[in-house]
Every structure is written in C-alpha cells, then in structure tokens.
C-alpha atoms as a PDB file:
ATOM      1  CA  UNK A   1      11.780   9.710 -66.635  1.00  0.00           C
ATOM      2  CA  UNK A   2       9.658  10.035 -69.650  1.00  0.00           C
ATOM      3  CA  UNK A   3       6.826  12.540 -69.908  1.00  0.00           C
ATOM      4  CA  UNK A   4       4.135   9.727 -69.992  1.00  0.00           C
ATOM      5  CA  UNK A   5       5.161   7.736 -67.165  1.00  0.00           C
ATOM      6  CA  UNK A   6       5.535  11.074 -64.898  1.00  0.00           C
ATOM      7  CA  UNK A   7       1.863  12.161 -66.048  1.00  0.00           C
ATOM      8  CA  UNK A   8       0.513   8.620 -65.574  1.00  0.00           C
ATOM      9  CA  UNK A   9       2.170   8.726 -61.676  1.00  0.00           C
ATOM     10  CA  UNK A  10       0.771  12.175 -61.234  1.00  0.00           C
ATOM     11  CA  UNK A  11      -2.848  11.435 -62.537  1.00  0.00           C
ATOM     12  CA  UNK A  12      -2.520   8.156 -60.002  1.00  0.00           C
ATOM     13  CA  UNK A  13      -1.912  10.252 -57.171  1.00  0.00           C
ATOM     14  CA  UNK A  14      -4.675  12.900 -58.218  1.00  0.00           C
ATOM     15  CA  UNK A  15      -7.046  10.043 -58.379  1.00  0.00           C
ATOM     16  CA  UNK A  16      -6.251   8.862 -54.998  1.00  0.00           C
ATOM     17  CA  UNK A  17      -6.292  12.603 -53.658  1.00  0.00           C
ATOM     18  CA  UNK A  18      -9.759  12.810 -54.809  1.00  0.00           C
ATOM     19  CA  UNK A  19     -10.997   9.440 -53.440  1.00  0.00           C
ATOM     20  CA  UNK A  20      -9.804  10.383 -50.052  1.00  0.00           C
ATOM     21  CA  UNK A  21     -11.242  13.790 -50.190  1.00  0.00           C
ATOM     22  CA  UNK A  22     -14.870  12.296 -51.451  1.00  0.00           C
ATOM     23  CA  UNK A  23     -15.105   9.688 -49.057  1.00  0.00           C
ATOM     24  CA  UNK A  24     -13.642  10.988 -45.967  1.00  0.00           C
ATOM     25  CA  UNK A  25     -16.786  13.079 -45.690  1.00  0.00           C
ATOM     26  CA  UNK A  26     -20.212  11.920 -44.890  1.00  0.00           C
ATOM     27  CA  UNK A  27     -23.067  12.605 -47.522  1.00  0.00           C
ATOM     28  CA  UNK A  28     -25.498  13.980 -44.929  1.00  0.00           C
ATOM     29  CA  UNK A  29     -23.112  17.159 -43.954  1.00  0.00           C
ATOM     30  CA  UNK A  30     -24.925  20.321 -44.640  1.00  0.00           C
ATOM     31  CA  UNK A  31     -21.763  22.575 -43.510  1.00  0.00           C
ATOM     32  CA  UNK A  32     -20.843  24.417 -46.794  1.00  0.00           C
ATOM     33  CA  UNK A  33     -17.216  24.019 -46.174  1.00  0.00           C
ATOM     34  CA  UNK A  34     -17.353  20.134 -45.979  1.00  0.00           C
ATOM     35  CA  UNK A  35     -19.639  20.021 -48.781  1.00  0.00           C
ATOM     36  CA  UNK A  36     -17.130  22.014 -50.968  1.00  0.00           C
ATOM     37  CA  UNK A  37     -14.438  19.569 -50.116  1.00  0.00           C
ATOM     38  CA  UNK A  38     -16.243  16.577 -50.966  1.00  0.00           C
ATOM     39  CA  UNK A  39     -17.196  18.307 -54.389  1.00  0.00           C
ATOM     40  CA  UNK A  40     -13.405  19.100 -55.076  1.00  0.00           C
ATOM     41  CA  UNK A  41     -12.614  15.629 -54.636  1.00  0.00           C
ATOM     42  CA  UNK A  42     -14.781  14.464 -57.086  1.00  0.00           C
ATOM     43  CA  UNK A  43     -13.701  16.969 -59.346  1.00  0.00           C
ATOM     44  CA  UNK A  44      -9.696  16.452 -58.480  1.00  0.00           C
ATOM     45  CA  UNK A  45     -10.599  12.569 -58.847  1.00  0.00           C
ATOM     46  CA  UNK A  46     -12.115  12.795 -62.394  1.00  0.00           C
ATOM     47  CA  UNK A  47      -9.248  15.125 -63.534  1.00  0.00           C
ATOM     48  CA  UNK A  48      -6.925  12.718 -62.173  1.00  0.00           C
ATOM     49  CA  UNK A  49      -8.403   9.946 -64.183  1.00  0.00           C
ATOM     50  CA  UNK A  50      -8.089  12.288 -67.550  1.00  0.00           C
ATOM     51  CA  UNK A  51      -4.181  12.945 -66.631  1.00  0.00           C
ATOM     52  CA  UNK A  52      -3.582   9.266 -66.364  1.00  0.00           C
ATOM     53  CA  UNK A  53      -5.220   8.285 -69.451  1.00  0.00           C
ATOM     54  CA  UNK A  54      -3.462  11.438 -71.085  1.00  0.00           C
ATOM     55  CA  UNK A  55      -0.064   9.941 -69.762  1.00  0.00           C
ATOM     56  CA  UNK A  56      -0.642   6.378 -70.748  1.00  0.00           C
ATOM     57  CA  UNK A  57      -1.529   7.614 -74.501  1.00  0.00           C
ATOM     58  CA  UNK A  58       1.641   9.905 -74.239  1.00  0.00           C
ATOM     59  CA  UNK A  59       3.775   6.593 -73.421  1.00  0.00           C
ATOM     60  CA  UNK A  60       2.176   4.782 -76.524  1.00  0.00           C
ATOM     61  CA  UNK A  61       2.894   7.031 -78.841  1.00  0.00           C
ATOM     62  CA  UNK A  62       6.545   7.958 -77.829  1.00  0.00           C
ATOM     63  CA  UNK A  63       7.605   4.176 -77.631  1.00  0.00           C
ATOM     64  CA  UNK A  64      10.353   3.268 -79.896  1.00  0.00           C
ATOM     65  CA  UNK A  65       9.085   1.827 -83.018  1.00  0.00           C
ATOM     66  CA  UNK A  66      10.832  -1.145 -84.588  1.00  0.00           C
ATOM     67  CA  UNK A  67      12.945  -0.532 -87.478  1.00  0.00           C
ATOM     68  CA  UNK A  68      11.561  -1.343 -91.156  1.00  0.00           C
ATOM     69  CA  UNK A  69      13.228  -3.627 -93.116  1.00  0.00           C
ATOM     70  CA  UNK A  70      13.673  -2.103 -96.617  1.00  0.00           C
ATOM     71  CA  UNK A  71      15.856  -4.562 -98.481  1.00  0.00           C
ATOM     72  CA  UNK A  72      13.299  -7.058 -99.901  1.00  0.00           C
ATOM     73  CA  UNK A  73      15.958  -9.198-102.252  1.00  0.00           C
ATOM     74  CA  UNK A  74      16.199 -12.398-101.582  1.00  0.00           C
ATOM     75  CA  UNK A  75      19.893 -14.137-100.891  1.00  0.00           C
ATOM     76  CA  UNK A  76      20.812 -16.645-103.207  1.00  0.00           C
END
C-alpha cells in the first residue's frame, strides 16, 4: 500500500477517535479527568485532519505522470 493511502486511513481513524472522545463526554463535566479526555479528543481530531490532508497530498504528488511526447515531427 502506498504511503499516501495509509496516511489518509490513519488520519481518518484519528479523526473518528477524536470525535468519539469529544462527543462522548458532556460539556458540563467538572472532573479534571473527563475534561482532559475531551480536550485530548479535540487535539487528536484536529491532528487527524492534518494527517489525512498530508496523506491526500502525498498521494497526489506520487501519482504516475503520463509520458511526455518528445517527437513533434509530422508523418508524411
């Protein structure tokens, strides 16, 4: 598997894990452990977006380019 595709998959999984961590805890919680998990979910989700975008860019950069035509002479 290419690096770009695997980075995109890892970034997507990080983003989903961040969503679960963020939305599984209610906003009004005052326990420091739960607030830490919620804040960690925000960080992991945003990091996952960055990793996913990097994976997309790597995939686009490493694509096979079509061969350039070097012979411009016409046939007669």
